[in-house]
C-alpha atoms as a PDB file:
ATOM      1  CA  MET A   1       0.000   0.000   0.000  1.00  0.00           C
ATOM      2  CA  PRO A   2       1.468   3.438  -0.880  1.00  0.00           C
ATOM      3  CA  LYS A   3       2.660   5.344   2.175  1.00  0.00           C
ATOM      4  CA  VAL A   4       3.828   8.909   2.904  1.00  0.00           C
ATOM      5  CA  ILE A   5       7.621   8.606   3.018  1.00  0.00           C
ATOM      6  CA  HIS A   6       9.034  12.143   2.866  1.00  0.00           C
ATOM      7  CA  PHE A   7       8.083  15.712   3.724  1.00  0.00           C
ATOM      8  CA  GLU A   8       9.430  18.976   2.377  1.00  0.00           C
ATOM      9  CA  ILE A   9       9.439  22.387   3.979  1.00  0.00           C
ATOM     10  CA  ASN A  10       9.459  25.287   1.536  1.00  0.00           C
ATOM     11  CA  ALA A  11      11.393  28.296   2.777  1.00  0.00           C
ATOM     12  CA  ASP A  12      11.990  31.848   1.631  1.00  0.00           C
ATOM     13  CA  GLU A  13      15.313  31.831   3.496  1.00  0.00           C
ATOM     14  CA  ILE A  14      16.677  28.294   3.821  1.00  0.00           C
ATOM     15  CA  LEU A  15      19.360  29.074   6.404  1.00  0.00           C
ATOM     16  CA  ARG A  16      16.823  30.849   8.627  1.00  0.00           C
ATOM     17  CA  ALA A  17      14.488  27.824   8.413  1.00  0.00           C
ATOM     18  CA  LYS A  18      17.399  25.450   9.043  1.00  0.00           C
ATOM     19  CA  LYS A  19      18.345  27.313  12.223  1.00  0.00           C
ATOM     20  CA  PHE A  20      14.721  27.351  13.410  1.00  0.00           C
ATOM     21  CA  TYR A  21      14.146  23.586  13.026  1.00  0.00           C
ATOM     22  CA  GLU A  22      17.546  22.687  14.459  1.00  0.00           C
ATOM     23  CA  ASN A  23      16.999  24.885  17.519  1.00  0.00           C
ATOM     24  CA  VAL A  24      13.361  23.945  18.145  1.00  0.00           C
ATOM     25  CA  PHE A  25      13.344  20.212  17.341  1.00  0.00           C
ATOM     26  CA  ASN A  26      17.065  19.359  17.382  1.00  0.00           C
ATOM     27  CA  TRP A  27      16.814  18.000  13.834  1.00  0.00           C
ATOM     28  CA  LYS A  28      20.054  17.366  11.952  1.00  0.00           C
ATOM     29  CA  ILE A  29      19.921  19.334   8.696  1.00  0.00           C
ATOM     30  CA  GLU A  30      22.646  19.018   6.043  1.00  0.00           C
ATOM     31  CA  LYS A  31      23.149  20.285   2.502  1.00  0.00           C
ATOM     32  CA  TRP A  32      22.489  17.589  -0.087  1.00  0.00           C
ATOM     33  CA  GLU A  33      25.252  17.064  -2.642  1.00  0.00           C
ATOM     34  CA  GLY A  34      22.822  16.542  -5.528  1.00  0.00           C
ATOM     35  CA  PRO A  35      22.173  18.595  -8.679  1.00  0.00           C
ATOM     36  CA  VAL A  36      19.837  21.116  -6.957  1.00  0.00           C
ATOM     37  CA  GLU A  37      20.049  23.152  -3.744  1.00  0.00           C
ATOM     38  CA  TYR A  38      18.370  20.984  -1.157  1.00  0.00           C
ATOM     39  CA  TRP A  39      18.876  20.335   2.537  1.00  0.00           C
ATOM     40  CA  THR A  40      18.058  16.918   4.063  1.00  0.00           C
ATOM     41  CA  ILE A  41      16.395  16.621   7.459  1.00  0.00           C
ATOM     42  CA  ASP A  42      17.170  13.791   9.858  1.00  0.00           C
ATOM     43  CA  ALA A  43      14.123  14.108  12.105  1.00  0.00           C
ATOM     44  CA  GLY A  44      14.841  11.414  14.676  1.00  0.00           C
ATOM     45  CA  ASP A  45      16.361   8.036  15.410  1.00  0.00           C
ATOM     46  CA  ASP A  46      15.770   5.237  12.911  1.00  0.00           C
ATOM     47  CA  ASN A  47      13.961   3.189  15.570  1.00  0.00           C
ATOM     48  CA  GLU A  48      11.385   5.974  16.139  1.00  0.00           C
ATOM     49  CA  LYS A  49       8.155   6.258  14.156  1.00  0.00           C
ATOM     50  CA  GLY A  50       8.074   9.001  11.557  1.00  0.00           C
ATOM     51  CA  ILE A  51       9.577  10.066   8.272  1.00  0.00           C
ATOM     52  CA  GLU A  52      12.542  12.145   7.157  1.00  0.00           C
ATOM     53  CA  GLY A  53      12.343  15.309   5.118  1.00  0.00           C
ATOM     54  CA  GLY A  54      14.042  18.216   3.454  1.00  0.00           C
ATOM     55  CA  ILE A  55      14.082  21.985   3.048  1.00  0.00           C
ATOM     56  CA  GLN A  56      14.006  23.660  -0.334  1.00  0.00           C
ATOM     57  CA  LYS A  57      13.662  27.187  -1.707  1.00  0.00           C
ATOM     58  CA  ARG A  58      10.020  28.228  -2.036  1.00  0.00           C
ATOM     59  CA  GLU A  59       9.178  28.512  -5.749  1.00  0.00           C
ATOM     60  CA  GLN A  60       5.570  29.665  -5.513  1.00  0.00           C
ATOM     61  CA  ALA A  61       3.917  31.753  -2.806  1.00  0.00           C
ATOM     62  CA  GLU A  62       1.376  29.020  -2.021  1.00  0.00           C
ATOM     63  CA  ASP A  63       4.051  26.326  -1.475  1.00  0.00           C
ATOM     64  CA  GLN A  64       3.931  25.157   2.150  1.00  0.00           C
ATOM     65  CA  ILE A  65       4.643  21.747   3.702  1.00  0.00           C
ATOM     66  CA  PHE A  66       4.684  19.097   1.019  1.00  0.00           C
ATOM     67  CA  ASN A  67       4.366  15.290   1.328  1.00  0.00           C
ATOM     68  CA  TYR A  68       5.518  12.526  -1.011  1.00  0.00           C
ATOM     69  CA  ILE A  69       3.787   9.171  -1.330  1.00  0.00           C
ATOM     70  CA  GLN A  70       5.926   6.237  -2.451  1.00  0.00           C
ATOM     71  CA  VAL A  71       4.419   4.195  -5.298  1.00  0.00           C
ATOM     72  CA  PRO A  72       5.757   1.287  -7.372  1.00  0.00           C
ATOM     73  CA  SER A  73       5.154   3.173 -10.661  1.00  0.00           C
ATOM     74  CA  VAL A  74       4.655   6.929 -11.028  1.00  0.00           C
ATOM     75  CA  ASP A  75       3.353   6.368 -14.546  1.00  0.00           C
ATOM     76  CA  GLU A  76       0.622   3.992 -13.320  1.00  0.00           C
ATOM     77  CA  PHE A  77      -0.364   6.185 -10.376  1.00  0.00           C
ATOM     78  CA  SER A  78      -0.365   9.422 -12.401  1.00  0.00           C
ATOM     79  CA  LYS A  79      -3.074   7.842 -14.560  1.00  0.00           C
ATOM     80  CA  LYS A  80      -5.045   6.804 -11.449  1.00  0.00           C
ATOM     81  CA  ILE A  81      -4.804  10.360 -10.109  1.00  0.00           C
ATOM     82  CA  GLU A  82      -6.302  11.825 -13.280  1.00  0.00           C
ATOM     83  CA  GLU A  83      -8.934   9.087 -13.597  1.00  0.00           C
ATOM     84  CA  ASN A  84     -10.158   9.896 -10.090  1.00  0.00           C
ATOM     85  CA  GLY A  85     -10.446  13.671 -10.432  1.00  0.00           C
ATOM     86  CA  GLY A  86      -6.947  14.794  -9.466  1.00  0.00           C
ATOM     87  CA  THR A  87      -4.692  16.873 -11.714  1.00  0.00           C
ATOM     88  CA  LEU A  88      -1.006  16.601 -12.484  1.00  0.00           C
ATOM     89  CA  SER A  89       0.885  19.805 -11.687  1.00  0.00           C
ATOM     90  CA  SER A  90       4.194  18.789 -13.251  1.00  0.00           C
ATOM     91  CA  PRO A  91       5.640  16.656 -15.984  1.00  0.00           C
ATOM     92  CA  LYS A  92       7.455  13.516 -14.877  1.00  0.00           C
ATOM     93  CA  ILE A  93      10.517  14.641 -12.889  1.00  0.00           C
ATOM     94  CA  THR A  94      13.721  12.603 -12.795  1.00  0.00           C
ATOM     95  CA  VAL A  95      16.232  13.109  -9.991  1.00  0.00           C
ATOM     96  CA  PRO A  96      19.411  11.225 -10.928  1.00  0.00           C
ATOM     97  CA  GLY A  97      20.258   8.487  -8.448  1.00  0.00           C
ATOM     98  CA  VAL A  98      16.991   8.993  -6.552  1.00  0.00           C
ATOM     99  CA  GLY A  99      14.012   8.222  -8.801  1.00  0.00           C
ATOM    100  CA  TYR A 100      10.955   9.643 -10.534  1.00  0.00           C
ATOM    101  CA  PHE A 101       8.279  12.074  -9.328  1.00  0.00           C
ATOM    102  CA  TYR A 102       5.041  13.747 -10.276  1.00  0.00           C
ATOM    103  CA  ILE A 103       3.497  16.662  -8.427  1.00  0.00           C
ATOM    104  CA  PHE A 104      -0.307  16.592  -8.313  1.00  0.00           C
ATOM    105  CA  LYS A 105      -3.364  18.172  -6.737  1.00  0.00           C
ATOM    106  CA  ASP A 106      -6.071  16.028  -5.228  1.00  0.00           C
ATOM    107  CA  THR A 107      -9.784  16.718  -5.666  1.00  0.00           C
ATOM    108  CA  GLU A 108      -9.616  19.256  -2.805  1.00  0.00           C
ATOM    109  CA  GLY A 109      -6.719  21.252  -4.273  1.00  0.00           C
ATOM    110  CA  ASN A 110      -4.075  19.826  -1.918  1.00  0.00           C
ATOM    111  CA  LYS A 111      -0.625  19.623  -3.497  1.00  0.00           C
ATOM    112  CA  LEU A 112       1.290  16.343  -3.033  1.00  0.00           C
ATOM    113  CA  GLY A 113       3.886  14.261  -4.802  1.00  0.00           C
ATOM    114  CA  ILE A 114       4.264  10.649  -5.827  1.00  0.00           C
ATOM    115  CA  MET A 115       7.709   9.062  -5.912  1.00  0.00           C
ATOM    116  CA  GLN A 116       9.122   5.928  -7.483  1.00  0.00           C
ATOM    117  CA  GLU A 117      12.565   5.125  -6.088  1.00  0.00           C
ATOM    118  CA  ASP A 118      15.200   4.146  -8.649  1.00  0.00           C
ATOM    119  CA  GLU A 119      18.895   4.500  -7.838  1.00  0.00           C
ATOM    120  CA  LEU A 120      19.660   4.042 -11.557  1.00  0.00           C
ATOM    121  CA  ALA A 121      17.515   7.023 -12.628  1.00  0.00           C
ATOM    122  CA  LYS A 122      19.365   9.390 -14.980  1.00  0.00           C
END
């Protein structure tokens, strides 16, 4: 069953947000060495319930907290989203070494993402 596996915090000033979450929640936040500016969040011990996340630069004013749902095939699930009244908000996104994504809005206008992990993605 698909499950929420990652959250993203959109920030106008990434370093300010980083400092806030480190000081308030003691999260470990580090710059990702990938092809885009992104900061990973270690939000607790591996044996604790919960998911990890990241901080990225806010691209649109309405961007807030964002969740990703892991699916076996983004192509299959993008079709299901549209068939059930949702809309795709992005083309298929490839992040090399990570996998494939689509951004979508559900029937209530909530913005989410679906992710298919693939370490061989190019």
